[in-house]
Protein backbone atom coordinates (compact mmCIF):
# COMPACT_ATOMS: atom_id res chain seq x y z
CA UNK A 1 -20.22 28.04 -18.41
CA UNK A 2 -20.42 31.82 -18.09
CA UNK A 3 -17.50 34.20 -18.26
CA UNK A 4 -16.61 37.67 -17.05
CA UNK A 5 -14.25 40.22 -18.58
CA UNK A 6 -11.23 41.40 -16.59
CA UNK A 7 -9.81 44.67 -18.00
CA UNK A 8 -6.53 46.40 -17.16
CA UNK A 9 -4.29 49.09 -18.67
CA UNK A 10 -0.60 48.20 -18.55
CA UNK A 11 2.25 50.28 -20.00
CA UNK A 12 4.40 47.69 -21.76
CA UNK A 13 7.87 47.80 -23.27
CA UNK A 14 8.60 45.45 -26.15
CA UNK A 15 11.89 43.61 -26.18
CA UNK A 16 13.74 42.93 -29.42
CA UNK A 17 12.87 39.26 -29.20
CA UNK A 18 9.17 40.02 -29.33
CA UNK A 19 9.22 40.35 -33.09
CA UNK A 20 11.31 37.33 -33.89
CA UNK A 21 10.56 34.18 -31.97
CA UNK A 22 10.91 30.52 -32.61
CA UNK A 23 8.03 28.26 -33.51
CA UNK A 24 5.92 27.21 -30.57
CA UNK A 25 7.17 29.90 -28.17
CA UNK A 26 5.40 33.01 -27.06
CA UNK A 27 6.84 36.49 -27.82
CA UNK A 28 8.55 37.92 -24.79
CA UNK A 29 6.99 40.97 -23.17
CA UNK A 30 8.40 42.90 -20.28
CA UNK A 31 6.50 45.32 -18.09
CA UNK A 32 8.16 48.62 -17.35
CA UNK A 33 9.44 49.11 -13.81
CA UNK A 34 6.73 51.67 -13.24
CA UNK A 35 3.97 49.33 -14.28
CA UNK A 36 1.28 49.01 -11.63
CA UNK A 37 -0.50 45.81 -10.78
CA UNK A 38 -3.39 44.81 -13.05
CA UNK A 39 -6.63 46.54 -12.17
CA UNK A 40 -9.70 44.37 -11.82
CA UNK A 41 -13.01 44.98 -13.67
CA UNK A 42 -14.09 48.58 -14.09
CA UNK A 43 -10.85 50.17 -12.83
CA UNK A 44 -8.25 52.09 -14.82
CA UNK A 45 -4.65 52.41 -13.73
CA UNK A 46 -2.79 55.63 -14.11
CA UNK A 47 0.56 55.28 -15.82
CA UNK A 48 3.41 57.49 -16.92
CA UNK A 49 3.40 58.82 -20.46
CA UNK A 50 4.20 56.16 -22.95
CA UNK A 51 2.66 53.38 -24.86
CA UNK A 52 -0.38 51.90 -23.17
CA UNK A 53 -2.09 48.65 -24.08
CA UNK A 54 -5.57 47.50 -23.27
CA UNK A 55 -5.52 43.99 -21.86
CA UNK A 56 -8.70 41.93 -21.82
CA UNK A 57 -9.02 38.54 -20.10
CA UNK A 58 -12.06 36.34 -20.53
CA UNK A 59 -12.26 34.30 -17.32
CA UNK A 60 -14.82 31.50 -17.24
CA UNK A 61 -16.68 31.39 -13.98
CA UNK A 62 -17.98 28.06 -12.89
CA UNK A 63 -17.75 25.56 -10.08
CA UNK A 64 -14.31 24.05 -9.72
CA UNK A 65 -12.70 26.12 -12.52
CA UNK A 66 -9.06 26.94 -12.04
CA UNK A 67 -6.08 27.69 -14.25
CA UNK A 68 -2.45 28.03 -13.24
CA UNK A 69 -1.75 31.05 -15.47
CA UNK A 70 -3.61 34.10 -16.66
CA UNK A 71 -3.12 34.90 -20.36
CA UNK A 72 -3.84 38.50 -21.26
CA UNK A 73 -4.51 39.31 -24.94
CA UNK A 74 -4.00 42.85 -26.28
CA UNK A 75 -6.14 45.02 -28.46
CA UNK A 76 -3.19 47.19 -29.42
CA UNK A 77 -1.55 47.24 -32.79
CA UNK A 78 0.83 44.38 -33.38
CA UNK A 79 -1.14 41.73 -31.45
CA UNK A 80 1.36 41.50 -28.59
CA UNK A 81 0.47 38.92 -25.89
CA UNK A 82 1.36 39.39 -22.24
CA UNK A 83 1.40 36.40 -19.91
CA UNK A 84 1.04 36.83 -16.18
CA UNK A 85 2.18 33.46 -14.93
CA UNK A 86 1.13 32.81 -11.38
CA UNK A 87 2.63 29.33 -11.06
CA UNK A 88 5.45 30.52 -8.85
CA UNK A 89 3.04 32.24 -6.48
CA UNK A 90 0.63 29.28 -6.39
CA UNK A 91 3.22 26.55 -5.87
CA UNK A 92 3.51 26.95 -2.08
CA UNK A 93 -0.26 27.05 -1.77
CA UNK A 94 -0.66 24.00 -3.99
CA UNK A 95 1.86 22.11 -1.89
CA UNK A 96 -0.09 23.00 1.25
CA UNK A 97 -3.36 21.92 -0.38
CA UNK A 98 -1.80 18.67 -1.51
CA UNK A 99 -0.51 17.93 1.99
CA UNK A 100 -3.86 18.78 3.58
CA UNK A 101 -5.65 16.40 1.20
CA UNK A 102 -4.34 13.39 3.08
CA UNK A 103 -7.52 12.98 5.11
CA UNK A 104 -7.83 9.21 4.90
CA UNK A 105 -8.79 7.44 8.10
CA UNK A 106 -7.63 3.95 7.19
CA UNK A 107 -6.53 1.86 10.11
CA UNK A 108 -2.88 0.84 9.99
CA UNK A 109 -2.10 -2.75 9.14
CA UNK A 110 -2.31 -5.08 12.13
CA UNK A 111 0.45 -7.21 10.62
CA UNK A 112 3.24 -4.71 10.06
CA UNK A 113 6.55 -6.58 9.77
CA UNK A 114 5.23 -9.63 11.59
CA UNK A 115 6.11 -12.11 8.86
CA UNK A 116 9.64 -10.77 8.51
CA UNK A 117 10.65 -12.06 11.93
CA UNK A 118 8.04 -14.74 12.62
CA UNK A 119 9.37 -18.23 13.29
CA UNK A 120 6.66 -20.88 13.17
CA UNK A 121 6.61 -23.42 16.01
CA UNK A 122 5.39 -26.01 13.50
CA UNK A 123 8.95 -26.48 12.29
CA UNK A 124 11.46 -25.35 14.89
CA UNK A 125 14.30 -26.78 12.83
CA UNK A 126 15.06 -27.90 9.30
CA UNK A 127 15.23 -31.50 10.49
CA UNK A 128 11.69 -31.34 11.85
CA UNK A 129 10.35 -29.90 8.60
CA UNK A 130 12.16 -32.62 6.65
CA UNK A 131 10.59 -35.28 8.85
CA UNK A 132 7.14 -33.76 8.32
CA UNK A 133 7.60 -33.90 4.55
CA UNK A 134 8.83 -37.48 4.60
CA UNK A 135 6.01 -38.61 6.86
CA UNK A 136 3.46 -36.88 4.64
CA UNK A 137 4.84 -38.73 1.61
CA UNK A 138 4.43 -42.05 3.41
CA UNK A 139 0.85 -41.26 4.35
CA UNK A 140 0.05 -40.20 0.79
CA UNK A 141 1.03 -43.64 -0.43
CA UNK A 142 -1.20 -45.27 2.18
CA UNK A 143 -4.21 -43.08 1.37
CA UNK A 144 -3.69 -43.65 -2.36
CA UNK A 145 -3.97 -47.39 -1.72
CA UNK A 146 -7.13 -46.72 0.29
CA UNK A 147 -8.69 -44.87 -2.65
CA UNK A 148 -7.74 -47.64 -5.06
CA UNK A 149 -9.28 -50.26 -2.75
CA UNK A 150 -12.56 -48.33 -2.51
CA UNK A 151 -13.69 -49.87 -5.79
CA UNK A 152 -15.08 -52.81 -3.83
CA UNK A 153 -17.01 -50.55 -1.45
CA UNK A 154 -20.57 -49.31 -1.85
CA UNK A 155 -21.41 -46.27 -3.95
CA UNK A 156 -22.04 -44.13 -0.88
CA UNK A 157 -18.69 -45.08 0.70
CA UNK A 158 -16.75 -44.15 -2.43
CA UNK A 159 -18.55 -40.83 -2.75
CA UNK A 160 -18.08 -40.10 0.95
CA UNK A 161 -14.33 -40.81 0.75
CA UNK A 162 -13.83 -38.33 -2.09
CA UNK A 163 -16.02 -35.79 -0.31
CA UNK A 164 -13.92 -36.05 2.85
CA UNK A 165 -10.66 -35.60 0.93
CA UNK A 166 -12.02 -32.46 -0.72
CA UNK A 167 -13.27 -31.00 2.55
CA UNK A 168 -9.82 -31.54 4.08
CA UNK A 169 -8.10 -29.98 1.03
CA UNK A 170 -6.26 -33.23 0.29
CA UNK A 171 -7.77 -33.87 -3.13
CA UNK A 172 -4.92 -32.12 -5.01
CA UNK A 173 -2.57 -34.83 -3.73
CA UNK A 174 -4.60 -37.55 -5.45
CA UNK A 175 -5.69 -36.05 -8.76
CA UNK A 176 -5.17 -39.20 -10.79
CA UNK A 177 -6.79 -41.51 -8.25
CA UNK A 178 -9.82 -39.26 -7.84
CA UNK A 179 -10.26 -38.86 -11.60
CA UNK A 180 -10.33 -42.65 -11.95
CA UNK A 181 -13.02 -42.90 -9.28
CA UNK A 182 -15.08 -40.13 -10.89
CA UNK A 183 -14.95 -41.92 -14.23
CA UNK A 184 -16.45 -44.96 -12.55
CA UNK A 185 -19.06 -42.93 -10.68
CA UNK A 186 -20.23 -41.23 -13.85
CA UNK A 187 -21.65 -44.47 -15.20
CA UNK A 188 -23.06 -45.64 -11.86
CA UNK A 189 -26.75 -46.55 -11.59
CA UNK A 190 -28.36 -44.46 -8.85
CA UNK A 191 -31.96 -45.38 -9.55
CA UNK A 192 -32.23 -47.49 -6.42
CA UNK A 193 -30.26 -45.24 -4.06
CA UNK A 194 -31.58 -42.99 -1.31
CA UNK A 195 -31.82 -39.20 -1.59
CA UNK A 196 -28.58 -38.51 0.31
CA UNK A 197 -26.50 -40.76 -1.95
CA UNK A 198 -28.06 -39.35 -5.12
CA UNK A 199 -27.55 -35.77 -3.96
CA UNK A 200 -23.87 -36.36 -3.07
CA UNK A 201 -23.34 -38.20 -6.38
CA UNK A 202 -24.92 -35.30 -8.31
CA UNK A 203 -22.92 -32.70 -6.37
CA UNK A 204 -19.59 -34.44 -6.82
CA UNK A 205 -19.93 -34.97 -10.56
CA UNK A 206 -21.24 -31.50 -11.33
CA UNK A 207 -18.52 -29.95 -9.23
CA UNK A 208 -15.91 -31.63 -11.42
CA UNK A 209 -17.59 -30.54 -14.66
CA UNK A 210 -19.54 -33.67 -15.60
CA UNK A 211 -22.91 -33.30 -17.31
CA UNK A 212 -25.51 -34.76 -14.98
CA UNK A 213 -29.25 -34.44 -15.51
CA UNK A 214 -31.29 -33.05 -12.60
CA UNK A 215 -34.04 -35.53 -13.49
CA UNK A 216 -32.43 -37.98 -11.06
CA UNK A 217 -34.34 -36.12 -8.32
CA UNK A 218 -37.71 -36.54 -10.01
CA UNK A 219 -38.32 -39.87 -8.27
CA UNK A 220 -38.09 -38.14 -4.88
CA UNK A 221 -40.59 -35.37 -5.65
CA UNK A 222 -44.37 -35.64 -5.34
CA UNK A 223 -47.09 -33.75 -7.17
CA UNK A 224 -47.01 -30.90 -4.63
CA UNK A 225 -43.32 -30.19 -5.18
CA UNK A 226 -42.16 -31.79 -1.92
CA UNK A 227 -39.17 -34.08 -1.73
CA UNK A 228 -39.07 -37.36 0.18
CA UNK A 229 -36.36 -36.58 2.72
CA UNK A 230 -36.04 -38.93 5.68
CA UNK A 231 -33.74 -36.82 7.87
CA UNK A 232 -31.96 -33.43 8.07
CA UNK A 233 -28.86 -34.88 6.43
CA UNK A 234 -30.87 -35.72 3.31
CA UNK A 235 -32.14 -32.14 3.21
CA UNK A 236 -28.61 -30.77 3.61
CA UNK A 237 -27.20 -32.86 0.77
CA UNK A 238 -30.08 -31.91 -1.54
CA UNK A 239 -29.72 -28.25 -0.58
CA UNK A 240 -26.01 -28.18 -1.45
CA UNK A 241 -26.47 -30.14 -4.67
CA UNK A 242 -29.27 -27.87 -5.88
CA UNK A 243 -26.97 -24.83 -5.74
CA UNK A 244 -25.02 -26.28 -8.65
CA UNK A 245 -28.06 -25.63 -10.81
CA UNK A 246 -28.06 -24.05 -14.24
CA UNK A 247 -30.55 -21.69 -15.78
CA UNK A 248 -33.87 -23.33 -16.55
CA UNK A 249 -33.55 -26.32 -14.20
CA UNK A 250 -36.89 -25.87 -12.45
CA UNK A 251 -36.64 -28.98 -10.30
CA UNK A 252 -33.49 -27.65 -8.65
CA UNK A 253 -35.14 -24.27 -8.07
CA UNK A 254 -37.95 -26.07 -6.31
CA UNK A 255 -35.44 -28.14 -4.33
CA UNK A 256 -33.74 -25.00 -3.01
CA UNK A 257 -37.05 -23.45 -1.98
CA UNK A 258 -38.25 -26.64 -0.28
CA UNK A 259 -35.03 -27.48 1.57
CA UNK A 260 -34.50 -23.89 2.74
CA UNK A 261 -37.90 -23.78 4.40
CA UNK A 262 -37.43 -27.20 5.98
CA UNK A 263 -33.94 -26.51 7.29
CA UNK A 264 -34.95 -23.14 8.74
CA UNK A 265 -37.84 -24.78 10.58
CA UNK A 266 -35.86 -27.66 12.12
CA UNK A 267 -32.59 -25.96 13.04
CA UNK A 268 -33.98 -24.39 16.28
CA UNK A 269 -34.65 -27.90 17.60
CA UNK A 270 -31.09 -29.10 16.90
CA UNK A 271 -29.10 -26.60 18.94
CA UNK A 272 -25.71 -27.83 20.09
CA UNK A 273 -25.27 -30.55 17.49
CA UNK A 274 -22.65 -30.61 14.75
CA UNK A 275 -25.32 -30.90 12.07
CA UNK A 276 -27.06 -27.78 13.40
CA UNK A 277 -23.87 -25.78 12.94
CA UNK A 278 -23.48 -27.13 9.39
CA UNK A 279 -27.06 -26.17 8.59
CA UNK A 280 -26.59 -22.62 9.87
CA UNK A 281 -23.42 -22.19 7.83
CA UNK A 282 -25.11 -23.63 4.72
CA UNK A 283 -28.12 -21.34 5.05
CA UNK A 284 -25.80 -18.36 5.30
CA UNK A 285 -23.41 -19.42 2.51
CA UNK A 286 -24.14 -22.57 0.47
CA UNK A 287 -21.33 -25.09 0.26
CA UNK A 288 -20.45 -24.47 -3.43
CA UNK A 289 -19.83 -20.81 -2.65
CA UNK A 290 -17.54 -21.25 0.33
CA UNK A 291 -13.72 -21.12 0.48
CA UNK A 292 -12.45 -24.60 1.28
CA UNK A 293 -9.02 -23.76 2.65
CA UNK A 294 -10.49 -21.60 5.42
CA UNK A 295 -12.93 -24.32 6.50
CA UNK A 296 -10.57 -27.30 6.38
CA UNK A 297 -9.42 -26.86 9.99
CA UNK A 298 -12.94 -26.81 11.44
CA UNK A 299 -13.99 -29.74 9.28
CA UNK A 300 -10.91 -31.65 10.41
CA UNK A 301 -11.93 -31.23 14.04
CA UNK A 302 -15.49 -32.30 13.32
CA UNK A 303 -14.37 -35.28 11.25
CA UNK A 304 -12.14 -36.49 14.07
CA UNK A 305 -14.57 -35.98 16.98
CA UNK A 306 -18.00 -36.76 15.61
CA UNK A 307 -17.31 -39.47 13.03
CA UNK A 308 -15.28 -42.60 12.85
CA UNK A 309 -12.69 -41.01 10.63
CA UNK A 310 -9.78 -42.88 9.19
CA UNK A 311 -6.66 -42.21 11.26
CA UNK A 312 -4.42 -42.16 8.19
CA UNK A 313 -6.52 -39.43 6.57
CA UNK A 314 -6.63 -37.38 9.77
CA UNK A 315 -2.87 -37.54 10.28
CA UNK A 316 -2.20 -36.67 6.65
CA UNK A 317 -4.62 -33.74 6.86
CA UNK A 318 -2.77 -32.33 9.88
CA UNK A 319 0.68 -32.67 8.33
CA UNK A 320 -0.48 -31.29 4.99
CA UNK A 321 -2.14 -28.32 6.68
CA UNK A 322 1.05 -27.54 8.62
CA UNK A 323 3.27 -27.82 5.55
CA UNK A 324 0.98 -25.56 3.52
CA UNK A 325 0.92 -23.05 6.36
CA UNK A 326 4.72 -22.98 6.49
CA UNK A 327 4.92 -22.30 2.76
CA UNK A 328 2.32 -19.54 2.98
CA UNK A 329 4.30 -17.88 5.78
CA UNK A 330 7.46 -17.95 3.68
CA UNK A 331 5.60 -16.37 0.78
CA UNK A 332 4.25 -13.65 3.07
CA UNK A 333 7.81 -12.97 4.19
CA UNK A 334 8.81 -12.36 0.56
CA UNK A 335 5.78 -10.19 -0.18
CA UNK A 336 6.20 -8.10 2.97
CA UNK A 337 9.86 -7.50 2.13
CA UNK A 338 8.91 -6.42 -1.40
CA UNK A 339 6.25 -4.06 -0.03
CA UNK A 340 8.66 -2.45 2.41
CA UNK A 341 11.23 -1.92 -0.35
CA UNK A 342 8.65 0.15 -2.22
CA UNK A 343 8.44 2.53 0.77
CA UNK A 344 4.75 3.05 0.17
CA UNK A 345 4.00 4.31 3.67
CA UNK A 346 6.53 7.14 3.41
CA UNK A 347 5.96 8.04 -0.23
CA UNK A 348 2.20 7.48 -0.45
CA UNK A 349 0.98 7.89 3.10
CA UNK A 350 -2.66 8.13 1.98
CA UNK A 351 -2.69 4.53 0.66
CA UNK A 352 -3.79 1.50 2.65
CA UNK A 353 -1.32 -1.11 3.79
CA UNK A 354 -3.29 -4.25 3.00
CA UNK A 355 -0.73 -6.46 1.30
CA UNK A 356 -1.36 -9.36 3.71
CA UNK A 357 -5.10 -9.19 3.10
CA UNK A 358 -4.44 -9.25 -0.66
CA UNK A 359 -2.45 -12.44 -0.17
CA UNK A 360 -5.25 -14.04 1.87
CA UNK A 361 -7.62 -13.27 -0.99
CA UNK A 362 -5.44 -15.14 -3.47
CA UNK A 363 -4.92 -18.06 -1.07
CA UNK A 364 -8.68 -18.55 -1.10
CA UNK A 365 -8.48 -19.12 -4.84
CA UNK A 366 -5.19 -21.03 -5.19
CA UNK A 367 -4.00 -22.61 -1.96
CA UNK A 368 -2.07 -25.53 -3.46
CA UNK A 369 1.75 -25.41 -3.08
CA UNK A 370 2.31 -25.65 -6.84
CA UNK A 371 0.72 -22.22 -7.34
CA UNK A 372 3.29 -20.42 -5.18
CA UNK A 373 4.61 -18.12 -7.92
CA UNK A 374 1.10 -17.26 -9.06
CA UNK A 375 0.05 -16.32 -5.52
CA UNK A 376 3.04 -14.02 -5.10
CA UNK A 377 2.53 -12.24 -8.42
CA UNK A 378 -1.22 -11.80 -8.01
CA UNK A 379 -0.80 -10.53 -4.45
CA UNK A 380 1.57 -7.86 -5.72
CA UNK A 381 -0.83 -6.91 -8.50
CA UNK A 382 -3.68 -6.52 -6.02
CA UNK A 383 -1.49 -4.41 -3.75
CA UNK A 384 -0.66 -2.06 -6.64
CA UNK A 385 -4.33 -1.91 -7.61
CA UNK A 386 -5.24 -0.96 -4.04
CA UNK A 387 -2.83 1.97 -4.28
CA UNK A 388 -4.48 3.12 -7.51
CA UNK A 389 -7.89 2.73 -5.91
CA UNK A 390 -6.92 4.93 -2.96
CA UNK A 391 -5.35 7.47 -5.31
CA UNK A 392 -8.65 7.90 -7.12
CA UNK A 393 -10.96 7.63 -4.10
CA UNK A 394 -9.03 9.49 -1.41
CA UNK A 395 -6.22 11.64 -2.73
CA UNK A 396 -6.62 12.93 -6.27
CA UNK A 397 -8.88 15.70 -7.44
CA UNK A 398 -11.11 15.24 -10.47
CA UNK A 399 -8.70 17.04 -12.80
CA UNK A 400 -5.70 15.15 -11.46
CA UNK A 401 -7.46 11.80 -11.81
CA UNK A 402 -8.34 12.57 -15.40
CA UNK A 403 -4.72 13.40 -16.21
CA UNK A 404 -3.53 10.34 -14.31
CA UNK A 405 -5.92 8.13 -16.30
CA UNK A 406 -4.56 9.49 -19.56
CA UNK A 407 -1.01 8.80 -18.40
CA UNK A 408 -1.92 5.21 -17.59
CA UNK A 409 -3.60 4.76 -20.96
CA UNK A 410 -0.49 6.03 -22.72
CA UNK A 411 1.69 3.83 -20.57
CA UNK A 412 -0.27 0.69 -21.48
CA UNK A 413 0.50 1.17 -25.16
CA UNK A 414 4.13 2.18 -24.70
CA UNK A 415 7.27 0.15 -24.41
CA UNK A 416 7.77 1.36 -20.83
CA UNK A 417 5.28 -1.20 -19.61
CA UNK A 418 8.09 -3.75 -19.79
CA UNK A 419 9.53 -2.08 -16.72
CA UNK A 420 6.73 -3.68 -14.70
CA UNK A 421 8.68 -6.93 -14.85
CA UNK A 422 11.35 -5.53 -12.54
CA UNK A 423 8.64 -4.22 -10.19
CA UNK A 424 7.04 -7.61 -9.58
CA UNK A 425 10.19 -9.74 -9.72
CA UNK A 426 12.26 -7.52 -7.47
């Protein structure tokens, strides 16, 4: 960084306090009433007879340099320092610059205060919601008996039942029953089963954390790396199962490559069918990487129309979906009220209003009713983080962001961080 020298002659009058000052304060210097304005480089100001002092200011010149005050050091005897503070003059300009910095073009929230006044038609009264809960409890008992009785069914039927419950987001209602079935499936002999059954068995166990060897697919692969699939459903099941691979499992890498090519080649000839839609969705986002709660409704419709689905499971899935939706709406009411109490839009107009989207993000991770408090807290945390993100990306200058970062770092290690509790539990 280069610098230039600003020189000026100022007649100065020393005050009595200039010789005796407290520690940490600058000696006071007053300019005489006749003192002219500082002269810029190369100029000399005429002044009345009296004591004159040569003031020299080294001003660094570089891109983005700025300083709120100009400190002039003297070369006169006594080492007196004169400070020309320009804060008062710059404050109006800084306020104008700060106001003009709000150049964000974020779209306003499409939700607004929707959830503050929304009344769901799913439960027009407390009596209806009570009936829905009681009916759901009755159906849970019936489906639990159905799971327990599946021990006499074939391996494919047991796997398919658990798979359906997970697709409909009903598995959290039957944790104990499903764990018992998985314990039995772990020790099942799949050597004589077809590719679809083996792939679903592999997918289900790996999804729940069981150690399953990928060598179970070796019997379906030939010397050229092709797999013996009899129909598109076999390819789909193998494709989804292979995406639960771990590093170094070559046979699953080959399965993904093979099934992807096959599915891409056959899907144009299956237009209009349910399986064709599943294949397109799987090729875009594999099943292990999708968000279940947002696909449960479409799967429910497909399970009811295109398969001989169990009526008890379908009815329970509808009631459970409605009850979960009601709870999510109540939580959004609480979060929206909290957000409005912060008055973000009036105090921080540059920030995005995306509190509802933050909640949807968390619902994709924890949709179960028992995680209600966690959803609310994490949604608030994400909303605060979005404000910080906009502060850095849209509003603050580089110098301001650096100071703001230091403030946050000091705050993290101070006792004031306990005040966050009142922010998120308000």
